[in-house]
Amino acid sequence: MENKLQVIRLSGATPYGDAHRLQLERVEAVRQKKSVNTLYLLEHSPVITLGKNADVGGVLAAPEILQKAGVAVHRIERGGQATYHCPGQLVGYPIMDLHQLKLGVAAYVHRLEEVLIGICGAFGVAAVRREGLTGIFTPDGAKIGALGIRITRGISFHGFALNISPDLSGYNMIVPCGLTDTPMAKLAALVEVPPSMDEVENTAETVFREVFGFSEIE
């Protein structure tokens, strides 16, 4: 059980509430040793999420605009400010026992960033960190990947989001991650031949296993 990872891919655009329930159920299963560490890979229906202490001013669009656009808003347990999810964005939710993996919070966040950098690199995009900020950025300073995590009694949930081919106009409804002067980027606009989401998910699984040292699940 100790060095195993189960990767679960959810098809279609998953409503945020459904994915949140799955995470909470798996957190308890991992805590009770009824499940191995798990990585969910998915895309979300359009949704804005707010971290537990996020400023509601991070949502710029009026409620009637959000309703008309079919964009739900959820305040959740993770840290961080407002973020936006939609189809075309790869979302990863690692449900993992960090005590078992001997990882502190800072090391865990660093490795998640390393995963995103590795995925981008596999498609020829040189993503980088920015000092004092979480997530990853293009060399010219645009944000392409975000992190927002929660750890409860040593078990991680929530996770990362990487822009592959989303409609970036949705970010106009929020102040992304509290950054007022940072443009958003997507992988598809930075490569000659945009990869499919299946290709990105395959790469994400490979890179995640490498970065965290997981073997295949039996």
N, C-alpha and C. Protein backbone atom coordinates (compact mmCIF):
# COMPACT_ATOMS: atom_id res chain seq x y z
N MET A 1 0.82 -1.22 0.00
CA MET A 1 0.00 0.00 0.00
C MET A 1 0.85 1.27 0.00
N GLU A 2 2.09 1.18 0.47
CA GLU A 2 2.82 2.40 0.78
C GLU A 2 3.30 3.17 -0.43
N ASN A 3 3.64 2.48 -1.52
CA ASN A 3 4.20 3.20 -2.66
C ASN A 3 3.33 3.03 -3.89
N LYS A 4 2.03 3.09 -3.70
CA LYS A 4 1.09 2.90 -4.78
C LYS A 4 0.27 4.17 -4.99
N LEU A 5 -0.10 4.39 -6.25
CA LEU A 5 -0.96 5.52 -6.60
C LEU A 5 -2.03 5.04 -7.55
N GLN A 6 -3.27 5.35 -7.24
CA GLN A 6 -4.38 5.09 -8.15
C GLN A 6 -4.74 6.39 -8.85
N VAL A 7 -4.79 6.37 -10.17
CA VAL A 7 -5.19 7.54 -10.94
C VAL A 7 -6.59 7.31 -11.47
N ILE A 8 -7.48 8.23 -11.16
CA ILE A 8 -8.88 8.14 -11.59
C ILE A 8 -9.18 9.33 -12.50
N ARG A 9 -9.56 9.03 -13.72
CA ARG A 9 -9.89 10.08 -14.68
C ARG A 9 -11.41 10.18 -14.80
N LEU A 10 -11.92 11.37 -14.61
CA LEU A 10 -13.36 11.61 -14.73
C LEU A 10 -13.62 12.19 -16.11
N SER A 11 -14.54 11.61 -16.84
CA SER A 11 -14.82 12.06 -18.20
C SER A 11 -15.83 13.19 -18.21
N GLY A 12 -15.79 13.98 -19.29
CA GLY A 12 -16.71 15.10 -19.42
C GLY A 12 -16.38 16.23 -18.49
N ALA A 13 -17.27 17.21 -18.41
CA ALA A 13 -17.09 18.36 -17.52
C ALA A 13 -17.77 18.05 -16.19
N THR A 14 -16.99 17.85 -15.16
CA THR A 14 -17.52 17.44 -13.85
C THR A 14 -18.00 18.63 -13.03
N PRO A 15 -19.24 18.64 -12.58
CA PRO A 15 -19.70 19.70 -11.69
C PRO A 15 -18.83 19.76 -10.44
N TYR A 16 -18.57 20.96 -9.95
CA TYR A 16 -17.64 21.11 -8.84
C TYR A 16 -18.11 20.34 -7.60
N GLY A 17 -19.39 20.41 -7.30
CA GLY A 17 -19.90 19.74 -6.10
C GLY A 17 -19.67 18.25 -6.13
N ASP A 18 -19.80 17.64 -7.31
CA ASP A 18 -19.59 16.20 -7.43
C ASP A 18 -18.14 15.85 -7.13
N ALA A 19 -17.20 16.61 -7.69
CA ALA A 19 -15.78 16.35 -7.45
C ALA A 19 -15.40 16.59 -5.99
N HIS A 20 -16.02 17.58 -5.39
CA HIS A 20 -15.73 17.87 -3.99
C HIS A 20 -16.16 16.71 -3.09
N ARG A 21 -17.33 16.16 -3.36
CA ARG A 21 -17.80 15.01 -2.58
C ARG A 21 -16.89 13.80 -2.75
N LEU A 22 -16.44 13.56 -3.97
CA LEU A 22 -15.53 12.46 -4.21
C LEU A 22 -14.23 12.63 -3.42
N GLN A 23 -13.74 13.87 -3.38
CA GLN A 23 -12.51 14.13 -2.63
C GLN A 23 -12.69 13.81 -1.14
N LEU A 24 -13.77 14.31 -0.56
CA LEU A 24 -13.99 14.10 0.87
C LEU A 24 -14.13 12.62 1.20
N GLU A 25 -14.81 11.87 0.34
CA GLU A 25 -14.94 10.44 0.56
C GLU A 25 -13.58 9.75 0.48
N ARG A 26 -12.76 10.16 -0.49
CA ARG A 26 -11.45 9.51 -0.64
C ARG A 26 -10.48 9.92 0.46
N VAL A 27 -10.60 11.16 0.95
CA VAL A 27 -9.77 11.58 2.10
C VAL A 27 -9.98 10.63 3.27
N GLU A 28 -11.23 10.32 3.55
CA GLU A 28 -11.53 9.43 4.68
C GLU A 28 -11.02 8.01 4.40
N ALA A 29 -11.17 7.55 3.16
CA ALA A 29 -10.71 6.21 2.80
C ALA A 29 -9.19 6.09 2.92
N VAL A 30 -8.47 7.12 2.49
CA VAL A 30 -7.01 7.10 2.60
C VAL A 30 -6.60 7.15 4.06
N ARG A 31 -7.28 7.98 4.85
CA ARG A 31 -6.96 8.08 6.28
C ARG A 31 -7.13 6.73 6.98
N GLN A 32 -8.18 6.01 6.61
CA GLN A 32 -8.47 4.73 7.25
C GLN A 32 -7.71 3.57 6.61
N LYS A 33 -6.81 3.90 5.66
CA LYS A 33 -6.01 2.87 4.97
C LYS A 33 -6.89 1.91 4.17
N LYS A 34 -8.07 2.39 3.75
CA LYS A 34 -8.94 1.59 2.91
C LYS A 34 -8.70 1.85 1.44
N SER A 35 -7.88 2.85 1.16
CA SER A 35 -7.55 3.21 -0.21
C SER A 35 -6.09 3.62 -0.29
N VAL A 36 -5.47 3.36 -1.43
CA VAL A 36 -4.12 3.88 -1.67
C VAL A 36 -4.23 5.37 -1.99
N ASN A 37 -3.08 6.05 -2.03
CA ASN A 37 -3.05 7.44 -2.47
C ASN A 37 -3.66 7.53 -3.87
N THR A 38 -4.38 8.61 -4.10
CA THR A 38 -5.20 8.73 -5.31
C THR A 38 -4.99 10.09 -5.97
N LEU A 39 -4.96 10.08 -7.30
CA LEU A 39 -4.94 11.32 -8.07
C LEU A 39 -6.15 11.34 -8.99
N TYR A 40 -7.04 12.30 -8.78
CA TYR A 40 -8.15 12.53 -9.71
C TYR A 40 -7.69 13.50 -10.80
N LEU A 41 -7.97 13.17 -12.05
CA LEU A 41 -7.72 14.07 -13.17
C LEU A 41 -9.05 14.33 -13.87
N LEU A 42 -9.36 15.61 -14.10
CA LEU A 42 -10.67 15.96 -14.62
C LEU A 42 -10.68 17.37 -15.20
N GLU A 43 -11.82 17.68 -15.83
CA GLU A 43 -12.15 19.05 -16.21
C GLU A 43 -13.43 19.42 -15.47
N HIS A 44 -13.56 20.70 -15.16
CA HIS A 44 -14.76 21.16 -14.46
C HIS A 44 -15.71 21.91 -15.40
N SER A 45 -16.99 21.84 -15.06
CA SER A 45 -17.94 22.80 -15.61
C SER A 45 -17.51 24.19 -15.13
N PRO A 46 -17.91 25.27 -15.83
CA PRO A 46 -17.49 26.61 -15.41
C PRO A 46 -17.84 26.89 -13.95
N VAL A 47 -16.83 27.28 -13.18
CA VAL A 47 -17.04 27.50 -11.75
C VAL A 47 -15.97 28.45 -11.22
N ILE A 48 -16.36 29.27 -10.26
CA ILE A 48 -15.41 30.10 -9.51
C ILE A 48 -15.33 29.52 -8.11
N THR A 49 -14.11 29.33 -7.62
CA THR A 49 -13.95 28.89 -6.24
C THR A 49 -13.19 29.94 -5.45
N LEU A 50 -13.55 30.04 -4.18
CA LEU A 50 -12.92 30.98 -3.27
C LEU A 50 -12.32 30.20 -2.10
N GLY A 51 -11.06 30.46 -1.78
CA GLY A 51 -10.44 29.85 -0.62
C GLY A 51 -11.16 30.26 0.65
N LYS A 52 -10.90 29.55 1.73
CA LYS A 52 -11.66 29.76 2.96
C LYS A 52 -11.57 31.18 3.50
N ASN A 53 -10.45 31.85 3.25
CA ASN A 53 -10.28 33.22 3.73
C ASN A 53 -10.22 34.24 2.59
N ALA A 54 -10.66 33.84 1.41
CA ALA A 54 -10.56 34.71 0.24
C ALA A 54 -11.51 35.90 0.34
N ASP A 55 -11.07 37.01 -0.19
CA ASP A 55 -11.88 38.22 -0.24
C ASP A 55 -12.96 38.06 -1.33
N VAL A 56 -14.23 38.27 -0.97
CA VAL A 56 -15.30 38.15 -1.96
C VAL A 56 -15.14 39.17 -3.08
N GLY A 57 -14.35 40.22 -2.83
CA GLY A 57 -14.07 41.20 -3.87
C GLY A 57 -13.27 40.62 -5.01
N GLY A 58 -12.76 39.41 -4.82
CA GLY A 58 -12.04 38.74 -5.90
C GLY A 58 -12.95 38.30 -7.03
N VAL A 59 -14.27 38.27 -6.76
CA VAL A 59 -15.24 37.98 -7.82
C VAL A 59 -15.73 39.31 -8.37
N LEU A 60 -15.41 39.60 -9.61
CA LEU A 60 -15.71 40.90 -10.21
C LEU A 60 -17.09 40.94 -10.87
N ALA A 61 -17.55 39.81 -11.37
CA ALA A 61 -18.83 39.77 -12.08
C ALA A 61 -20.00 39.81 -11.11
N ALA A 62 -21.03 40.52 -11.48
CA ALA A 62 -22.25 40.59 -10.66
C ALA A 62 -22.96 39.24 -10.67
N PRO A 63 -23.72 38.94 -9.61
CA PRO A 63 -24.42 37.64 -9.52
C PRO A 63 -25.29 37.34 -10.74
N GLU A 64 -25.97 38.37 -11.28
CA GLU A 64 -26.83 38.11 -12.44
C GLU A 64 -26.02 37.73 -13.68
N ILE A 65 -24.81 38.28 -13.80
CA ILE A 65 -23.93 37.93 -14.92
C ILE A 65 -23.46 36.49 -14.78
N LEU A 66 -23.09 36.11 -13.57
CA LEU A 66 -22.65 34.75 -13.32
C LEU A 66 -23.77 33.75 -13.60
N GLN A 67 -24.97 34.10 -13.15
CA GLN A 67 -26.11 33.21 -13.37
C GLN A 67 -26.39 33.05 -14.86
N LYS A 68 -26.35 34.14 -15.60
CA LYS A 68 -26.61 34.08 -17.04
C LYS A 68 -25.56 33.25 -17.75
N ALA A 69 -24.31 33.33 -17.27
CA ALA A 69 -23.22 32.58 -17.89
C ALA A 69 -23.16 31.14 -17.41
N GLY A 70 -23.99 30.79 -16.43
CA GLY A 70 -23.99 29.43 -15.91
C GLY A 70 -22.76 29.11 -15.09
N VAL A 71 -22.21 30.12 -14.40
CA VAL A 71 -20.99 29.94 -13.61
C VAL A 71 -21.36 29.86 -12.13
N ALA A 72 -21.11 28.73 -11.53
CA ALA A 72 -21.37 28.55 -10.10
C ALA A 72 -20.23 29.16 -9.29
N VAL A 73 -20.50 29.47 -8.02
CA VAL A 73 -19.48 29.99 -7.10
C VAL A 73 -19.49 29.13 -5.84
N HIS A 74 -18.30 28.66 -5.44
CA HIS A 74 -18.19 27.83 -4.25
C HIS A 74 -17.08 28.38 -3.35
N ARG A 75 -17.39 28.57 -2.07
CA ARG A 75 -16.34 28.84 -1.08
C ARG A 75 -15.94 27.50 -0.47
N ILE A 76 -14.64 27.22 -0.46
CA ILE A 76 -14.17 25.89 -0.10
C ILE A 76 -13.05 25.96 0.93
N GLU A 77 -12.52 24.78 1.32
CA GLU A 77 -11.60 24.69 2.45
C GLU A 77 -10.16 25.08 2.10
N ARG A 78 -9.81 25.09 0.83
CA ARG A 78 -8.41 25.33 0.47
C ARG A 78 -7.98 26.74 0.83
N GLY A 79 -6.66 26.94 0.78
CA GLY A 79 -6.14 28.30 0.91
C GLY A 79 -6.22 29.02 -0.42
N GLY A 80 -5.84 30.28 -0.42
CA GLY A 80 -5.78 31.04 -1.68
C GLY A 80 -7.02 31.88 -1.94
N GLN A 81 -6.92 32.63 -3.02
CA GLN A 81 -7.98 33.56 -3.39
C GLN A 81 -8.89 32.95 -4.46
N ALA A 82 -9.51 33.81 -5.26
CA ALA A 82 -10.45 33.34 -6.28
C ALA A 82 -9.72 32.68 -7.44
N THR A 83 -10.30 31.60 -7.93
CA THR A 83 -9.79 30.99 -9.15
C THR A 83 -10.97 30.53 -9.99
N TYR A 84 -10.67 30.25 -11.25
CA TYR A 84 -11.70 29.91 -12.22
C TYR A 84 -11.36 28.58 -12.87
N HIS A 85 -12.36 27.69 -12.97
CA HIS A 85 -12.19 26.41 -13.66
C HIS A 85 -13.22 26.31 -14.77
N CYS A 86 -12.84 25.63 -15.86
CA CYS A 86 -13.75 25.43 -16.97
C CYS A 86 -13.20 24.33 -17.87
N PRO A 87 -13.99 23.84 -18.82
CA PRO A 87 -13.46 22.85 -19.76
C PRO A 87 -12.22 23.39 -20.49
N GLY A 88 -11.29 22.48 -20.76
CA GLY A 88 -10.04 22.89 -21.39
C GLY A 88 -8.93 23.13 -20.39
N GLN A 89 -9.27 23.03 -19.13
CA GLN A 89 -8.28 23.18 -18.05
C GLN A 89 -8.14 21.83 -17.35
N LEU A 90 -6.91 21.35 -17.23
CA LEU A 90 -6.68 20.10 -16.51
C LEU A 90 -6.63 20.37 -15.01
N VAL A 91 -7.49 19.70 -14.27
CA VAL A 91 -7.52 19.82 -12.82
C VAL A 91 -7.04 18.51 -12.21
N GLY A 92 -6.16 18.59 -11.24
CA GLY A 92 -5.68 17.41 -10.55
C GLY A 92 -5.90 17.53 -9.06
N TYR A 93 -6.54 16.52 -8.48
CA TYR A 93 -6.77 16.50 -7.04
C TYR A 93 -6.04 15.29 -6.43
N PRO A 94 -4.86 15.50 -5.86
CA PRO A 94 -4.16 14.41 -5.19
C PRO A 94 -4.69 14.23 -3.77
N ILE A 95 -5.15 13.03 -3.47
CA ILE A 95 -5.61 12.67 -2.12
C ILE A 95 -4.53 11.75 -1.56
N MET A 96 -3.63 12.29 -0.75
CA MET A 96 -2.44 11.54 -0.38
C MET A 96 -2.09 11.71 1.09
N ASP A 97 -1.53 10.66 1.65
CA ASP A 97 -1.07 10.66 3.03
C ASP A 97 0.35 11.23 3.06
N LEU A 98 0.47 12.50 3.42
CA LEU A 98 1.78 13.16 3.39
C LEU A 98 2.70 12.66 4.49
N HIS A 99 2.14 12.16 5.58
CA HIS A 99 2.98 11.55 6.62
C HIS A 99 3.66 10.30 6.06
N GLN A 100 2.87 9.50 5.37
CA GLN A 100 3.40 8.29 4.75
C GLN A 100 4.50 8.62 3.74
N LEU A 101 4.29 9.70 3.00
CA LEU A 101 5.26 10.10 1.98
C LEU A 101 6.42 10.92 2.56
N LYS A 102 6.32 11.23 3.87
CA LYS A 102 7.35 12.02 4.55
C LYS A 102 7.55 13.38 3.88
N LEU A 103 6.43 14.06 3.63
CA LEU A 103 6.46 15.36 2.99
C LEU A 103 5.82 16.42 3.88
N GLY A 104 6.51 17.53 4.09
CA GLY A 104 5.92 18.69 4.73
C GLY A 104 5.17 19.51 3.70
N VAL A 105 4.49 20.54 4.16
CA VAL A 105 3.66 21.35 3.26
C VAL A 105 4.51 22.01 2.17
N ALA A 106 5.61 22.65 2.54
CA ALA A 106 6.43 23.35 1.56
C ALA A 106 6.97 22.40 0.51
N ALA A 107 7.44 21.23 0.94
CA ALA A 107 7.97 20.26 -0.01
C ALA A 107 6.88 19.73 -0.93
N TYR A 108 5.69 19.55 -0.37
CA TYR A 108 4.56 19.07 -1.18
C TYR A 108 4.20 20.09 -2.26
N VAL A 109 4.09 21.35 -1.88
CA VAL A 109 3.77 22.40 -2.85
C VAL A 109 4.85 22.48 -3.92
N HIS A 110 6.11 22.39 -3.51
CA HIS A 110 7.22 22.44 -4.47
C HIS A 110 7.09 21.31 -5.49
N ARG A 111 6.73 20.13 -5.02
CA ARG A 111 6.60 18.99 -5.94
C ARG A 111 5.41 19.15 -6.88
N LEU A 112 4.31 19.70 -6.38
CA LEU A 112 3.17 19.95 -7.27
C LEU A 112 3.57 20.93 -8.38
N GLU A 113 4.31 21.97 -8.02
CA GLU A 113 4.80 22.89 -9.04
C GLU A 113 5.72 22.18 -10.02
N GLU A 114 6.53 21.27 -9.51
CA GLU A 114 7.43 20.50 -10.37
C GLU A 114 6.64 19.64 -11.36
N VAL A 115 5.52 19.11 -10.91
CA VAL A 115 4.65 18.34 -11.81
C VAL A 115 4.15 19.22 -12.95
N LEU A 116 3.67 20.41 -12.63
CA LEU A 116 3.15 21.31 -13.67
C LEU A 116 4.25 21.75 -14.62
N ILE A 117 5.41 22.03 -14.08
CA ILE A 117 6.55 22.41 -14.93
C ILE A 117 6.91 21.25 -15.87
N GLY A 118 6.87 20.02 -15.33
CA GLY A 118 7.19 18.85 -16.13
C GLY A 118 6.19 18.60 -17.24
N ILE A 119 4.90 18.80 -16.95
CA ILE A 119 3.87 18.62 -17.99
C ILE A 119 4.09 19.63 -19.11
N CYS A 120 4.28 20.89 -18.75
CA CYS A 120 4.52 21.91 -19.77
C CYS A 120 5.77 21.60 -20.58
N GLY A 121 6.82 21.19 -19.88
CA GLY A 121 8.07 20.89 -20.55
C GLY A 121 7.94 19.76 -21.55
N ALA A 122 7.09 18.79 -21.27
CA ALA A 122 6.89 17.67 -22.17
C ALA A 122 6.31 18.12 -23.51
N PHE A 123 5.67 19.27 -23.52
CA PHE A 123 5.10 19.80 -24.76
C PHE A 123 5.88 21.00 -25.29
N GLY A 124 7.07 21.21 -24.75
CA GLY A 124 7.96 22.24 -25.28
C GLY A 124 7.77 23.63 -24.71
N VAL A 125 7.05 23.73 -23.57
CA VAL A 125 6.83 25.03 -22.95
C VAL A 125 7.64 25.12 -21.66
N ALA A 126 8.49 26.12 -21.56
CA ALA A 126 9.38 26.26 -20.40
C ALA A 126 8.69 27.09 -19.32
N ALA A 127 7.92 26.43 -18.46
CA ALA A 127 7.25 27.13 -17.37
C ALA A 127 8.22 27.31 -16.20
N VAL A 128 7.98 28.35 -15.42
CA VAL A 128 8.89 28.70 -14.32
C VAL A 128 8.10 29.08 -13.07
N ARG A 129 8.79 29.08 -11.93
CA ARG A 129 8.22 29.61 -10.70
C ARG A 129 8.51 31.11 -10.64
N ARG A 130 7.74 31.80 -9.78
CA ARG A 130 8.04 33.20 -9.46
C ARG A 130 8.19 33.31 -7.96
N GLU A 131 9.27 33.93 -7.54
CA GLU A 131 9.57 34.02 -6.12
C GLU A 131 8.44 34.68 -5.34
N GLY A 132 8.04 34.03 -4.26
CA GLY A 132 7.00 34.57 -3.39
C GLY A 132 5.59 34.23 -3.82
N LEU A 133 5.43 33.53 -4.96
CA LEU A 133 4.11 33.18 -5.45
C LEU A 133 4.02 31.68 -5.66
N THR A 134 2.82 31.13 -5.48
CA THR A 134 2.61 29.73 -5.82
C THR A 134 2.11 29.62 -7.24
N GLY A 135 2.23 28.42 -7.80
CA GLY A 135 1.81 28.22 -9.18
C GLY A 135 2.99 28.33 -10.13
N ILE A 136 2.70 28.26 -11.43
CA ILE A 136 3.75 28.38 -12.43
C ILE A 136 3.37 29.39 -13.50
N PHE A 137 4.41 29.90 -14.16
CA PHE A 137 4.24 31.02 -15.08
C PHE A 137 5.04 30.78 -16.36
N THR A 138 4.64 31.45 -17.43
CA THR A 138 5.45 31.44 -18.65
C THR A 138 6.64 32.37 -18.42
N PRO A 139 7.69 32.23 -19.23
CA PRO A 139 8.86 33.09 -19.05
C PRO A 139 8.55 34.59 -19.12
N ASP A 140 7.48 34.96 -19.84
CA ASP A 140 7.13 36.39 -19.93
C ASP A 140 6.19 36.84 -18.81
N GLY A 141 5.93 35.95 -17.83
CA GLY A 141 5.20 36.37 -16.63
C GLY A 141 3.73 36.06 -16.57
N ALA A 142 3.17 35.41 -17.58
CA ALA A 142 1.75 35.05 -17.54
C ALA A 142 1.56 33.78 -16.74
N LYS A 143 0.47 33.70 -16.00
CA LYS A 143 0.22 32.51 -15.17
C LYS A 143 -0.47 31.44 -15.98
N ILE A 144 0.08 30.22 -15.92
CA ILE A 144 -0.49 29.12 -16.69
C ILE A 144 -0.97 27.98 -15.79
N GLY A 145 -0.48 27.93 -14.56
CA GLY A 145 -0.89 26.87 -13.64
C GLY A 145 -1.04 27.38 -12.23
N ALA A 146 -2.09 26.92 -11.54
CA ALA A 146 -2.40 27.41 -10.19
C ALA A 146 -2.46 26.24 -9.20
N LEU A 147 -2.19 26.55 -7.94
CA LEU A 147 -2.28 25.58 -6.86
C LEU A 147 -3.21 26.10 -5.76
N GLY A 148 -3.93 25.19 -5.15
CA GLY A 148 -4.74 25.52 -3.99
C GLY A 148 -4.96 24.24 -3.22
N ILE A 149 -4.40 24.13 -2.05
CA ILE A 149 -4.43 22.85 -1.34
C ILE A 149 -5.06 22.98 0.04
N ARG A 150 -5.41 21.82 0.56
CA ARG A 150 -5.86 21.69 1.95
C ARG A 150 -5.25 20.41 2.49
N ILE A 151 -4.78 20.45 3.71
CA ILE A 151 -4.25 19.25 4.35
C ILE A 151 -4.96 19.09 5.68
N THR A 152 -5.60 17.96 5.87
CA THR A 152 -6.31 17.69 7.11
C THR A 152 -5.80 16.40 7.72
N ARG A 153 -5.24 16.51 8.91
CA ARG A 153 -4.65 15.37 9.61
C ARG A 153 -3.70 14.58 8.71
N GLY A 154 -2.92 15.34 7.95
CA GLY A 154 -1.88 14.74 7.13
C GLY A 154 -2.31 14.28 5.76
N ILE A 155 -3.62 14.39 5.43
CA ILE A 155 -4.11 13.96 4.13
C ILE A 155 -4.38 15.19 3.26
N SER A 156 -3.80 15.19 2.06
CA SER A 156 -3.97 16.32 1.14
C SER A 156 -5.26 16.17 0.33
N PHE A 157 -5.85 17.30 -0.01
CA PHE A 157 -6.87 17.33 -1.06
C PHE A 157 -6.90 18.70 -1.68
N HIS A 158 -7.85 18.93 -2.61
CA HIS A 158 -7.75 20.02 -3.58
C HIS A 158 -6.43 19.83 -4.35
N GLY A 159 -5.88 20.81 -5.02
CA GLY A 159 -4.69 20.49 -5.79
C GLY A 159 -4.27 21.54 -6.80
N PHE A 160 -4.27 21.17 -8.10
CA PHE A 160 -3.70 22.04 -9.12
C PHE A 160 -4.62 22.17 -10.32
N ALA A 161 -4.41 23.24 -11.07
CA ALA A 161 -5.13 23.47 -12.32
C ALA A 161 -4.15 24.00 -13.35
N LEU A 162 -4.14 23.39 -14.54
CA LEU A 162 -3.23 23.79 -15.60
C LEU A 162 -4.04 24.13 -16.84
N ASN A 163 -3.83 25.34 -17.36
CA ASN A 163 -4.58 25.79 -18.52
C ASN A 163 -4.03 25.15 -19.79
N ILE A 164 -4.85 24.31 -20.42
CA ILE A 164 -4.46 23.66 -21.67
C ILE A 164 -5.08 24.40 -22.86
N SER A 165 -6.39 24.42 -22.91
CA SER A 165 -7.06 25.11 -24.03
C SER A 165 -8.37 25.76 -23.60
N PRO A 166 -8.42 26.36 -22.41
CA PRO A 166 -9.69 26.96 -21.96
C PRO A 166 -9.95 28.30 -22.64
N ASP A 167 -11.19 28.75 -22.56
CA ASP A 167 -11.53 30.12 -22.94
C ASP A 167 -11.10 31.03 -21.79
N LEU A 168 -10.03 31.77 -22.02
CA LEU A 168 -9.46 32.58 -20.94
C LEU A 168 -10.32 33.79 -20.58
N SER A 169 -11.35 34.08 -21.37
CA SER A 169 -12.18 35.25 -21.05
C SER A 169 -12.90 35.07 -19.72
N GLY A 170 -13.06 33.82 -19.27
CA GLY A 170 -13.71 33.58 -17.99
C GLY A 170 -12.96 34.20 -16.83
N TYR A 171 -11.64 34.36 -17.00
CA TYR A 171 -10.84 34.97 -15.94
C TYR A 171 -11.17 36.44 -15.74
N ASN A 172 -11.88 37.04 -16.69
CA ASN A 172 -12.27 38.44 -16.53
C ASN A 172 -13.31 38.61 -15.42
N MET A 173 -13.89 37.51 -14.98
CA MET A 173 -14.91 37.58 -13.93
C MET A 173 -14.31 37.62 -12.53
N ILE A 174 -12.99 37.41 -12.43
CA ILE A 174 -12.35 37.35 -11.11
C ILE A 174 -11.03 38.11 -11.13
N VAL A 175 -10.44 38.26 -9.95
CA VAL A 175 -9.04 38.65 -9.81
C VAL A 175 -8.29 37.35 -9.57
N PRO A 176 -7.68 36.77 -10.61
CA PRO A 176 -7.13 35.42 -10.48
C PRO A 176 -6.07 35.31 -9.39
N CYS A 177 -6.36 34.47 -8.39
CA CYS A 177 -5.41 34.22 -7.29
C CYS A 177 -4.97 35.51 -6.59
N GLY A 178 -5.79 36.56 -6.71
CA GLY A 178 -5.47 37.83 -6.07
C GLY A 178 -4.44 38.65 -6.81
N LEU A 179 -4.05 38.23 -8.03
CA LEU A 179 -3.02 38.93 -8.80
C LEU A 179 -3.69 39.89 -9.78
N THR A 180 -3.54 41.17 -9.52
CA THR A 180 -4.24 42.17 -10.34
C THR A 180 -3.49 42.53 -11.61
N ASP A 181 -2.22 42.22 -11.69
CA ASP A 181 -1.42 42.66 -12.84
C ASP A 181 -0.76 41.50 -13.58
N THR A 182 -1.34 40.30 -13.47
CA THR A 182 -0.75 39.14 -14.10
C THR A 182 -1.70 38.55 -15.15
N PRO A 183 -1.31 38.54 -16.42
CA PRO A 183 -2.17 37.94 -17.45
C PRO A 183 -2.19 36.42 -17.30
N MET A 184 -3.19 35.80 -17.92
CA MET A 184 -3.32 34.35 -17.90
C MET A 184 -2.88 33.79 -19.25
N ALA A 185 -2.35 32.57 -19.23
CA ALA A 185 -1.88 31.93 -20.45
C ALA A 185 -2.45 30.52 -20.54
N LYS A 186 -2.37 29.93 -21.74
CA LYS A 186 -2.78 28.54 -21.93
C LYS A 186 -1.78 27.85 -22.86
N LEU A 187 -1.61 26.56 -22.62
CA LEU A 187 -0.61 25.79 -23.34
C LEU A 187 -0.87 25.78 -24.85
N ALA A 188 -2.13 25.67 -25.24
CA ALA A 188 -2.46 25.55 -26.66
C ALA A 188 -1.97 26.73 -27.48
N ALA A 189 -1.89 27.91 -26.85
CA ALA A 189 -1.46 29.10 -27.57
C ALA A 189 0.06 29.22 -27.66
N LEU A 190 0.77 28.32 -26.98
CA LEU A 190 2.23 28.41 -26.90
C LEU A 190 2.94 27.32 -27.68
N VAL A 191 2.17 26.45 -28.33
CA VAL A 191 2.75 25.35 -29.10
C VAL A 191 2.17 25.33 -30.51
N GLU A 192 2.90 24.72 -31.43
CA GLU A 192 2.44 24.67 -32.82
C GLU A 192 1.24 23.74 -32.97
N VAL A 193 1.29 22.59 -32.32
CA VAL A 193 0.19 21.63 -32.40
C VAL A 193 -0.35 21.39 -30.99
N PRO A 194 -1.49 21.97 -30.66
CA PRO A 194 -2.04 21.79 -29.31
C PRO A 194 -2.34 20.32 -29.02
N PRO A 195 -1.95 19.84 -27.84
CA PRO A 195 -2.23 18.45 -27.48
C PRO A 195 -3.69 18.26 -27.09
N SER A 196 -4.16 17.04 -27.23
CA SER A 196 -5.50 16.71 -26.74
C SER A 196 -5.45 16.58 -25.23
N MET A 197 -6.62 16.64 -24.59
CA MET A 197 -6.65 16.48 -23.14
C MET A 197 -6.20 15.08 -22.74
N ASP A 198 -6.51 14.07 -23.57
CA ASP A 198 -6.04 12.71 -23.28
C ASP A 198 -4.51 12.67 -23.24
N GLU A 199 -3.87 13.32 -24.19
CA GLU A 199 -2.40 13.36 -24.22
C GLU A 199 -1.85 14.04 -22.97
N VAL A 200 -2.50 15.12 -22.58
CA VAL A 200 -2.05 15.86 -21.39
C VAL A 200 -2.25 15.01 -20.14
N GLU A 201 -3.38 14.33 -20.03
CA GLU A 201 -3.62 13.48 -18.86
C GLU A 201 -2.62 12.34 -18.79
N ASN A 202 -2.31 11.74 -19.93
CA ASN A 202 -1.30 10.67 -19.94
C ASN A 202 0.04 11.20 -19.44
N THR A 203 0.41 12.38 -19.92
CA THR A 203 1.67 13.00 -19.50
C THR A 203 1.62 13.36 -18.02
N ALA A 204 0.49 13.90 -17.58
CA ALA A 204 0.34 14.29 -16.18
C ALA A 204 0.53 13.09 -15.27
N GLU A 205 -0.05 11.95 -15.62
CA GLU A 205 0.10 10.76 -14.79
C GLU A 205 1.56 10.32 -14.73
N THR A 206 2.22 10.31 -15.88
CA THR A 206 3.63 9.89 -15.93
C THR A 206 4.50 10.82 -15.09
N VAL A 207 4.33 12.12 -15.27
CA VAL A 207 5.15 13.09 -14.55
C VAL A 207 4.86 13.03 -13.06
N PHE A 208 3.59 12.92 -12.69
CA PHE A 208 3.22 12.87 -11.28
C PHE A 208 3.88 11.66 -10.60
N ARG A 209 3.83 10.51 -11.24
CA ARG A 209 4.45 9.32 -10.67
C ARG A 209 5.96 9.53 -10.50
N GLU A 210 6.59 10.14 -11.49
CA GLU A 210 8.03 10.35 -11.42
C GLU A 210 8.40 11.31 -10.29
N VAL A 211 7.68 12.42 -10.20
CA VAL A 211 8.01 13.45 -9.21
C VAL A 211 7.80 12.93 -7.79
N PHE A 212 6.74 12.16 -7.58
CA PHE A 212 6.43 11.68 -6.23
C PHE A 212 6.96 10.27 -5.94
N GLY A 213 7.58 9.65 -6.95
CA GLY A 213 8.20 8.34 -6.72
C GLY A 213 7.23 7.20 -6.56
N PHE A 214 6.11 7.25 -7.30
CA PHE A 214 5.11 6.19 -7.21
C PHE A 214 5.35 5.12 -8.27
N SER A 215 5.13 3.87 -7.88
CA SER A 215 5.14 2.77 -8.84
C SER A 215 3.72 2.56 -9.33
N GLU A 216 3.57 1.69 -10.30
CA GLU A 216 2.24 1.39 -10.82
C GLU A 216 1.41 0.69 -9.74
N ILE A 217 0.10 0.92 -9.77
CA ILE A 217 -0.78 0.22 -8.84
C ILE A 217 -0.98 -1.21 -9.30
N GLU A 218 -1.06 -2.11 -8.37
CA GLU A 218 -1.27 -3.52 -8.73
C GLU A 218 -2.73 -3.78 -9.03
